[in-house]
């Protein structure tokens, strides 16, 4: 697989996010921070990944921002309901 290291980094980011989200189970503010930090890390990872592959375009940045924002809004809304 050509980009195995890149995807292992992404998997690590998401695994740490899940771990710390559940670790701070009783601290909603920390969970919100983890969600926002994970979204930012996802966007940063996407930009770096595409820059290294020399296939970056501004539309890619917009796509990563849209996915990260949608995911963060979804998780934050579920967290607010709990």
PDB file of N, CA and C in Angstrom:
ATOM      1  N   UNK A   1       0.849  -1.179   0.000  1.00  0.00           N
ATOM      2  CA  UNK A   1       0.000   0.000   0.000  1.00  0.00           C
ATOM      3  C   UNK A   1       0.894   1.242   0.000  1.00  0.00           C
ATOM      4  N   UNK A   2       0.585   2.150  -0.871  1.00  0.00           N
ATOM      5  CA  UNK A   2       1.446   3.291  -1.126  1.00  0.00           C
ATOM      6  C   UNK A   2       1.513   4.268   0.052  1.00  0.00           C
ATOM      7  N   UNK A   3       0.402   4.537   0.696  1.00  0.00           N
ATOM      8  CA  UNK A   3       0.334   5.550   1.745  1.00  0.00           C
ATOM      9  C   UNK A   3       0.066   4.942   3.123  1.00  0.00           C
ATOM     10  N   UNK A   4       0.604   3.773   3.369  1.00  0.00           N
ATOM     11  CA  UNK A   4       0.331   3.060   4.614  1.00  0.00           C
ATOM     12  C   UNK A   4       0.714   3.886   5.844  1.00  0.00           C
ATOM     13  N   UNK A   5       1.873   4.517   5.818  1.00  0.00           N
ATOM     14  CA  UNK A   5       2.303   5.320   6.972  1.00  0.00           C
ATOM     15  C   UNK A   5       1.354   6.474   7.234  1.00  0.00           C
ATOM     16  N   UNK A   6       0.884   7.108   6.169  1.00  0.00           N
ATOM     17  CA  UNK A   6      -0.056   8.221   6.331  1.00  0.00           C
ATOM     18  C   UNK A   6      -1.338   7.752   7.013  1.00  0.00           C
ATOM     19  N   UNK A   7      -1.854   6.630   6.562  1.00  0.00           N
ATOM     20  CA  UNK A   7      -3.107   6.135   7.130  1.00  0.00           C
ATOM     21  C   UNK A   7      -2.920   5.593   8.551  1.00  0.00           C
ATOM     22  N   UNK A   8      -1.735   5.103   8.866  1.00  0.00           N
ATOM     23  CA  UNK A   8      -1.461   4.695  10.251  1.00  0.00           C
ATOM     24  C   UNK A   8      -1.438   5.917  11.177  1.00  0.00           C
ATOM     25  N   UNK A   9      -0.928   7.035  10.677  1.00  0.00           N
ATOM     26  CA  UNK A   9      -0.955   8.273  11.459  1.00  0.00           C
ATOM     27  C   UNK A   9      -2.401   8.696  11.693  1.00  0.00           C
ATOM     28  N   UNK A  10      -3.225   8.663  10.649  1.00  0.00           N
ATOM     29  CA  UNK A  10      -4.642   9.014  10.801  1.00  0.00           C
ATOM     30  C   UNK A  10      -5.337   8.074  11.776  1.00  0.00           C
ATOM     31  N   UNK A  11      -5.074   6.801  11.654  1.00  0.00           N
ATOM     32  CA  UNK A  11      -5.673   5.825  12.563  1.00  0.00           C
ATOM     33  C   UNK A  11      -5.247   6.096  14.001  1.00  0.00           C
ATOM     34  N   UNK A  12      -3.990   6.461  14.197  1.00  0.00           N
ATOM     35  CA  UNK A  12      -3.496   6.792  15.541  1.00  0.00           C
ATOM     36  C   UNK A  12      -4.197   8.022  16.104  1.00  0.00           C
ATOM     37  N   UNK A  13      -4.363   9.038  15.282  1.00  0.00           N
ATOM     38  CA  UNK A  13      -5.070  10.253  15.719  1.00  0.00           C
ATOM     39  C   UNK A  13      -6.481   9.899  16.171  1.00  0.00           C
ATOM     40  N   UNK A  14      -7.177   9.128  15.369  1.00  0.00           N
ATOM     41  CA  UNK A  14      -8.559   8.768  15.703  1.00  0.00           C
ATOM     42  C   UNK A  14      -8.625   7.836  16.913  1.00  0.00           C
ATOM     43  N   UNK A  15      -7.671   6.932  17.043  1.00  0.00           N
ATOM     44  CA  UNK A  15      -7.652   6.020  18.193  1.00  0.00           C
ATOM     45  C   UNK A  15      -7.400   6.791  19.490  1.00  0.00           C
ATOM     46  N   UNK A  16      -6.453   7.729  19.466  1.00  0.00           N
ATOM     47  CA  UNK A  16      -6.211   8.556  20.645  1.00  0.00           C
ATOM     48  C   UNK A  16      -7.448   9.381  20.988  1.00  0.00           C
ATOM     49  N   UNK A  17      -8.115   9.887  19.975  1.00  0.00           N
ATOM     50  CA  UNK A  17      -9.318  10.685  20.207  1.00  0.00           C
ATOM     51  C   UNK A  17     -10.410   9.851  20.893  1.00  0.00           C
ATOM     52  N   UNK A  18     -10.621   8.649  20.404  1.00  0.00           N
ATOM     53  CA  UNK A  18     -11.638   7.776  21.005  1.00  0.00           C
ATOM     54  C   UNK A  18     -11.250   7.429  22.438  1.00  0.00           C
ATOM     55  N   UNK A  19      -9.971   7.082  22.643  1.00  0.00           N
ATOM     56  CA  UNK A  19      -9.519   6.733  23.988  1.00  0.00           C
ATOM     57  C   UNK A  19      -9.753   7.882  24.962  1.00  0.00           C
ATOM     58  N   UNK A  20      -9.284   9.080  24.599  1.00  0.00           N
ATOM     59  CA  UNK A  20      -9.415  10.206  25.511  1.00  0.00           C
ATOM     60  C   UNK A  20     -10.856  10.675  25.653  1.00  0.00           C
ATOM     61  N   UNK A  21     -11.665  10.511  24.630  1.00  0.00           N
ATOM     62  CA  UNK A  21     -13.081  10.857  24.735  1.00  0.00           C
ATOM     63  C   UNK A  21     -13.745  10.022  25.826  1.00  0.00           C
ATOM     64  N   UNK A  22     -13.453   8.720  25.849  1.00  0.00           N
ATOM     65  CA  UNK A  22     -14.038   7.864  26.876  1.00  0.00           C
ATOM     66  C   UNK A  22     -13.325   7.993  28.222  1.00  0.00           C
ATOM     67  N   UNK A  23     -12.043   8.331  28.190  1.00  0.00           N
ATOM     68  CA  UNK A  23     -11.303   8.537  29.438  1.00  0.00           C
ATOM     69  C   UNK A  23     -11.888   9.709  30.221  1.00  0.00           C
ATOM     70  N   UNK A  24     -12.268  10.761  29.516  1.00  0.00           N
ATOM     71  CA  UNK A  24     -12.872  11.936  30.141  1.00  0.00           C
ATOM     72  C   UNK A  24     -14.394  11.854  30.060  1.00  0.00           C
ATOM     73  N   UNK A  25     -14.915  10.700  30.391  1.00  0.00           N
ATOM     74  CA  UNK A  25     -16.343  10.422  30.278  1.00  0.00           C
ATOM     75  C   UNK A  25     -17.209  11.405  31.062  1.00  0.00           C
ATOM     76  N   UNK A  26     -16.762  11.860  32.214  1.00  0.00           N
ATOM     77  CA  UNK A  26     -17.577  12.733  33.056  1.00  0.00           C
ATOM     78  C   UNK A  26     -17.220  14.203  32.912  1.00  0.00           C
ATOM     79  N   UNK A  27     -16.424  14.546  31.932  1.00  0.00           N
ATOM     80  CA  UNK A  27     -15.990  15.933  31.738  1.00  0.00           C
ATOM     81  C   UNK A  27     -16.383  16.381  30.332  1.00  0.00           C
ATOM     82  N   UNK A  28     -17.556  16.970  30.228  1.00  0.00           N
ATOM     83  CA  UNK A  28     -18.095  17.346  28.924  1.00  0.00           C
ATOM     84  C   UNK A  28     -17.220  18.384  28.218  1.00  0.00           C
ATOM     85  N   UNK A  29     -16.662  19.325  28.978  1.00  0.00           N
ATOM     86  CA  UNK A  29     -15.815  20.355  28.373  1.00  0.00           C
ATOM     87  C   UNK A  29     -14.570  19.727  27.738  1.00  0.00           C
ATOM     88  N   UNK A  30     -13.970  18.763  28.423  1.00  0.00           N
ATOM     89  CA  UNK A  30     -12.804  18.064  27.863  1.00  0.00           C
ATOM     90  C   UNK A  30     -13.206  17.289  26.611  1.00  0.00           C
ATOM     91  N   UNK A  31     -14.359  16.654  26.638  1.00  0.00           N
ATOM     92  CA  UNK A  31     -14.825  15.909  25.471  1.00  0.00           C
ATOM     93  C   UNK A  31     -15.049  16.834  24.276  1.00  0.00           C
ATOM     94  N   UNK A  32     -15.602  18.009  24.536  1.00  0.00           N
ATOM     95  CA  UNK A  32     -15.801  18.969  23.450  1.00  0.00           C
ATOM     96  C   UNK A  32     -14.458  19.403  22.871  1.00  0.00           C
ATOM     97  N   UNK A  33     -13.492  19.634  23.737  1.00  0.00           N
ATOM     98  CA  UNK A  33     -12.157  20.005  23.278  1.00  0.00           C
ATOM     99  C   UNK A  33     -11.520  18.906  22.454  1.00  0.00           C
ATOM    100  N   UNK A  34     -11.718  17.660  22.861  1.00  0.00           N
ATOM    101  CA  UNK A  34     -11.173  16.519  22.125  1.00  0.00           C
ATOM    102  C   UNK A  34     -11.806  16.436  20.738  1.00  0.00           C
ATOM    103  N   UNK A  35     -13.095  16.673  20.657  1.00  0.00           N
ATOM    104  CA  UNK A  35     -13.785  16.628  19.369  1.00  0.00           C
ATOM    105  C   UNK A  35     -13.241  17.709  18.441  1.00  0.00           C
ATOM    106  N   UNK A  36     -13.098  18.914  18.952  1.00  0.00           N
ATOM    107  CA  UNK A  36     -12.599  20.021  18.137  1.00  0.00           C
ATOM    108  C   UNK A  36     -11.146  19.785  17.737  1.00  0.00           C
ATOM    109  N   UNK A  37     -10.333  19.320  18.674  1.00  0.00           N
ATOM    110  CA  UNK A  37      -8.922  19.044  18.373  1.00  0.00           C
ATOM    111  C   UNK A  37      -8.793  17.926  17.343  1.00  0.00           C
ATOM    112  N   UNK A  38      -9.628  16.921  17.444  1.00  0.00           N
ATOM    113  CA  UNK A  38      -9.593  15.818  16.483  1.00  0.00           C
ATOM    114  C   UNK A  38      -9.992  16.301  15.093  1.00  0.00           C
ATOM    115  N   UNK A  39     -10.989  17.152  15.033  1.00  0.00           N
ATOM    116  CA  UNK A  39     -11.404  17.702  13.743  1.00  0.00           C
ATOM    117  C   UNK A  39     -10.282  18.516  13.113  1.00  0.00           C
ATOM    118  N   UNK A  40      -9.623  19.328  13.925  1.00  0.00           N
ATOM    119  CA  UNK A  40      -8.504  20.136  13.423  1.00  0.00           C
ATOM    120  C   UNK A  40      -7.350  19.236  12.977  1.00  0.00           C
ATOM    121  N   UNK A  41      -7.057  18.190  13.745  1.00  0.00           N
ATOM    122  CA  UNK A  41      -5.978  17.262  13.388  1.00  0.00           C
ATOM    123  C   UNK A  41      -6.310  16.527  12.096  1.00  0.00           C
ATOM    124  N   UNK A  42      -7.573  16.201  11.899  1.00  0.00           N
ATOM    125  CA  UNK A  42      -8.007  15.526  10.675  1.00  0.00           C
ATOM    126  C   UNK A  42      -7.783  16.419   9.457  1.00  0.00           C
ATOM    127  N   UNK A  43      -8.143  17.688   9.583  1.00  0.00           N
ATOM    128  CA  UNK A  43      -7.945  18.619   8.473  1.00  0.00           C
ATOM    129  C   UNK A  43      -6.455  18.796   8.196  1.00  0.00           C
ATOM    130  N   UNK A  44      -5.683  18.973   9.252  1.00  0.00           N
ATOM    131  CA  UNK A  44      -4.237  19.124   9.088  1.00  0.00           C
ATOM    132  C   UNK A  44      -3.625  17.881   8.454  1.00  0.00           C
ATOM    133  N   UNK A  45      -4.044  16.708   8.907  1.00  0.00           N
ATOM    134  CA  UNK A  45      -3.544  15.467   8.327  1.00  0.00           C
ATOM    135  C   UNK A  45      -3.871  15.407   6.833  1.00  0.00           C
ATOM    136  N   UNK A  46      -5.094  15.760   6.473  1.00  0.00           N
ATOM    137  CA  UNK A  46      -5.498  15.713   5.071  1.00  0.00           C
ATOM    138  C   UNK A  46      -4.672  16.642   4.201  1.00  0.00           C
ATOM    139  N   UNK A  47      -4.419  17.843   4.693  1.00  0.00           N
ATOM    140  CA  UNK A  47      -3.626  18.801   3.929  1.00  0.00           C
ATOM    141  C   UNK A  47      -2.198  18.285   3.756  1.00  0.00           C
ATOM    142  N   UNK A  48      -1.591  17.828   4.839  1.00  0.00           N
ATOM    143  CA  UNK A  48      -0.220  17.324   4.766  1.00  0.00           C
ATOM    144  C   UNK A  48      -0.151  16.097   3.853  1.00  0.00           C
ATOM    145  N   UNK A  49      -1.107  15.209   3.992  1.00  0.00           N
ATOM    146  CA  UNK A  49      -1.133  13.998   3.159  1.00  0.00           C
ATOM    147  C   UNK A  49      -1.162  14.357   1.671  1.00  0.00           C
ATOM    148  N   UNK A  50      -2.014  15.286   1.298  1.00  0.00           N
ATOM    149  CA  UNK A  50      -2.132  15.648  -0.114  1.00  0.00           C
ATOM    150  C   UNK A  50      -0.958  16.501  -0.594  1.00  0.00           C
ATOM    151  N   UNK A  51      -0.375  17.291   0.296  1.00  0.00           N
ATOM    152  CA  UNK A  51       0.827  18.035  -0.090  1.00  0.00           C
ATOM    153  C   UNK A  51       1.989  17.084  -0.361  1.00  0.00           C
ATOM    154  N   UNK A  52       2.157  16.090   0.499  1.00  0.00           N
ATOM    155  CA  UNK A  52       3.232  15.113   0.299  1.00  0.00           C
ATOM    156  C   UNK A  52       3.019  14.289  -0.971  1.00  0.00           C
ATOM    157  N   UNK A  53       1.769  14.030  -1.301  1.00  0.00           N
ATOM    158  CA  UNK A  53       1.460  13.268  -2.513  1.00  0.00           C
ATOM    159  C   UNK A  53       1.459  14.167  -3.751  1.00  0.00           C
ATOM    160  N   UNK A  54       1.662  15.457  -3.538  1.00  0.00           N
ATOM    161  CA  UNK A  54       1.684  16.461  -4.614  1.00  0.00           C
ATOM    162  C   UNK A  54       0.396  16.485  -5.419  1.00  0.00           C
ATOM    163  N   UNK A  55      -0.703  16.341  -4.698  1.00  0.00           N
ATOM    164  CA  UNK A  55      -2.010  16.398  -5.353  1.00  0.00           C
ATOM    165  C   UNK A  55      -2.962  17.318  -4.586  1.00  0.00           C
ATOM    166  N   UNK A  56      -2.382  18.303  -3.923  1.00  0.00           N
ATOM    167  CA  UNK A  56      -3.210  19.228  -3.143  1.00  0.00           C
ATOM    168  C   UNK A  56      -3.887  20.234  -4.060  1.00  0.00           C
ATOM    169  N   UNK A  57      -5.152  20.486  -3.754  1.00  0.00           N
ATOM    170  CA  UNK A  57      -5.918  21.533  -4.417  1.00  0.00           C
ATOM    171  C   UNK A  57      -6.822  22.149  -3.361  1.00  0.00           C
ATOM    172  N   UNK A  58      -7.172  23.401  -3.525  1.00  0.00           N
ATOM    173  CA  UNK A  58      -7.982  24.085  -2.517  1.00  0.00           C
ATOM    174  C   UNK A  58      -9.323  23.406  -2.290  1.00  0.00           C
ATOM    175  N   UNK A  59      -9.848  22.752  -3.296  1.00  0.00           N
ATOM    176  CA  UNK A  59     -11.114  22.025  -3.121  1.00  0.00           C
ATOM    177  C   UNK A  59     -10.960  20.875  -2.131  1.00  0.00           C
ATOM    178  N   UNK A  60      -9.769  20.300  -2.077  1.00  0.00           N
ATOM    179  CA  UNK A  60      -9.498  19.229  -1.116  1.00  0.00           C
ATOM    180  C   UNK A  60      -9.571  19.785   0.304  1.00  0.00           C
ATOM    181  N   UNK A  61      -8.988  20.970   0.516  1.00  0.00           N
ATOM    182  CA  UNK A  61      -9.064  21.608   1.830  1.00  0.00           C
ATOM    183  C   UNK A  61     -10.512  21.858   2.224  1.00  0.00           C
ATOM    184  N   UNK A  62     -11.305  22.356   1.293  1.00  0.00           N
ATOM    185  CA  UNK A  62     -12.720  22.621   1.575  1.00  0.00           C
ATOM    186  C   UNK A  62     -13.451  21.328   1.922  1.00  0.00           C
ATOM    187  N   UNK A  63     -13.124  20.258   1.221  1.00  0.00           N
ATOM    188  CA  UNK A  63     -13.754  18.966   1.500  1.00  0.00           C
ATOM    189  C   UNK A  63     -13.401  18.470   2.905  1.00  0.00           C
ATOM    190  N   UNK A  64     -12.125  18.540   3.268  1.00  0.00           N
ATOM    191  CA  UNK A  64     -11.721  18.110   4.607  1.00  0.00           C
ATOM    192  C   UNK A  64     -12.359  18.988   5.683  1.00  0.00           C
ATOM    193  N   UNK A  65     -12.428  20.285   5.438  1.00  0.00           N
ATOM    194  CA  UNK A  65     -13.087  21.181   6.393  1.00  0.00           C
ATOM    195  C   UNK A  65     -14.573  20.843   6.537  1.00  0.00           C
ATOM    196  N   UNK A  66     -15.232  20.545   5.417  1.00  0.00           N
ATOM    197  CA  UNK A  66     -16.653  20.211   5.461  1.00  0.00           C
ATOM    198  C   UNK A  66     -16.902  18.919   6.229  1.00  0.00           C
ATOM    199  N   UNK A  67     -16.100  17.906   5.956  1.00  0.00           N
ATOM    200  CA  UNK A  67     -16.277  16.617   6.653  1.00  0.00           C
ATOM    201  C   UNK A  67     -15.997  16.772   8.141  1.00  0.00           C
ATOM    202  N   UNK A  68     -14.918  17.485   8.480  1.00  0.00           N
ATOM    203  CA  UNK A  68     -14.561  17.678   9.893  1.00  0.00           C
ATOM    204  C   UNK A  68     -15.630  18.479  10.620  1.00  0.00           C
ATOM    205  N   UNK A  69     -16.148  19.513   9.976  1.00  0.00           N
ATOM    206  CA  UNK A  69     -17.193  20.332  10.591  1.00  0.00           C
ATOM    207  C   UNK A  69     -18.467  19.526  10.782  1.00  0.00           C
ATOM    208  N   UNK A  70     -18.869  18.785   9.771  1.00  0.00           N
ATOM    209  CA  UNK A  70     -20.067  17.961   9.876  1.00  0.00           C
ATOM    210  C   UNK A  70     -19.938  16.941  11.002  1.00  0.00           C
ATOM    211  N   UNK A  71     -18.799  16.266  11.071  1.00  0.00           N
ATOM    212  CA  UNK A  71     -18.589  15.265  12.118  1.00  0.00           C
ATOM    213  C   UNK A  71     -18.589  15.917  13.505  1.00  0.00           C
ATOM    214  N   UNK A  72     -17.917  17.063  13.626  1.00  0.00           N
ATOM    215  CA  UNK A  72     -17.860  17.741  14.928  1.00  0.00           C
ATOM    216  C   UNK A  72     -19.248  18.205  15.361  1.00  0.00           C
ATOM    217  N   UNK A  73     -19.994  18.783  14.445  1.00  0.00           N
ATOM    218  CA  UNK A  73     -21.348  19.245  14.780  1.00  0.00           C
ATOM    219  C   UNK A  73     -22.225  18.067  15.186  1.00  0.00           C
ATOM    220  N   UNK A  74     -22.119  16.979  14.467  1.00  0.00           N
ATOM    221  CA  UNK A  74     -22.916  15.785  14.785  1.00  0.00           C
ATOM    222  C   UNK A  74     -22.582  15.256  16.172  1.00  0.00           C
ATOM    223  N   UNK A  75     -21.311  15.070  16.468  1.00  0.00           N
ATOM    224  CA  UNK A  75     -20.900  14.519  17.772  1.00  0.00           C
ATOM    225  C   UNK A  75     -21.204  15.501  18.890  1.00  0.00           C
ATOM    226  N   UNK A  76     -20.954  16.787  18.660  1.00  0.00           N
ATOM    227  CA  UNK A  76     -21.260  17.789  19.699  1.00  0.00           C
ATOM    228  C   UNK A  76     -22.740  17.864  19.989  1.00  0.00           C
ATOM    229  N   UNK A  77     -23.589  17.711  18.941  1.00  0.00           N
ATOM    230  CA  UNK A  77     -25.033  17.727  19.193  1.00  0.00           C
ATOM    231  C   UNK A  77     -25.484  16.499  19.966  1.00  0.00           C
ATOM    232  N   UNK A  78     -24.892  15.351  19.650  1.00  0.00           N
ATOM    233  CA  UNK A  78     -25.219  14.151  20.417  1.00  0.00           C
ATOM    234  C   UNK A  78     -24.751  14.268  21.854  1.00  0.00           C
ATOM    235  N   UNK A  79     -23.604  14.873  22.037  1.00  0.00           N
ATOM    236  CA  UNK A  79     -23.068  15.079  23.385  1.00  0.00           C
ATOM    237  C   UNK A  79     -23.951  16.035  24.185  1.00  0.00           C
ATOM    238  N   UNK A  80     -24.480  17.038  23.537  1.00  0.00           N
ATOM    239  CA  UNK A  80     -25.345  18.014  24.209  1.00  0.00           C
ATOM    240  C   UNK A  80     -26.660  17.383  24.636  1.00  0.00           C
ATOM    241  N   UNK A  81     -27.124  16.404  23.895  1.00  0.00           N
ATOM    242  CA  UNK A  81     -28.389  15.735  24.231  1.00  0.00           C
ATOM    243  C   UNK A  81     -28.238  14.754  25.381  1.00  0.00           C
ATOM    244  N   UNK A  82     -27.027  14.281  25.619  1.00  0.00           N
ATOM    245  CA  UNK A  82     -26.815  13.246  26.639  1.00  0.00           C
ATOM    246  C   UNK A  82     -26.877  13.813  28.034  1.00  0.00           C
TER     247      UNK A  82
END
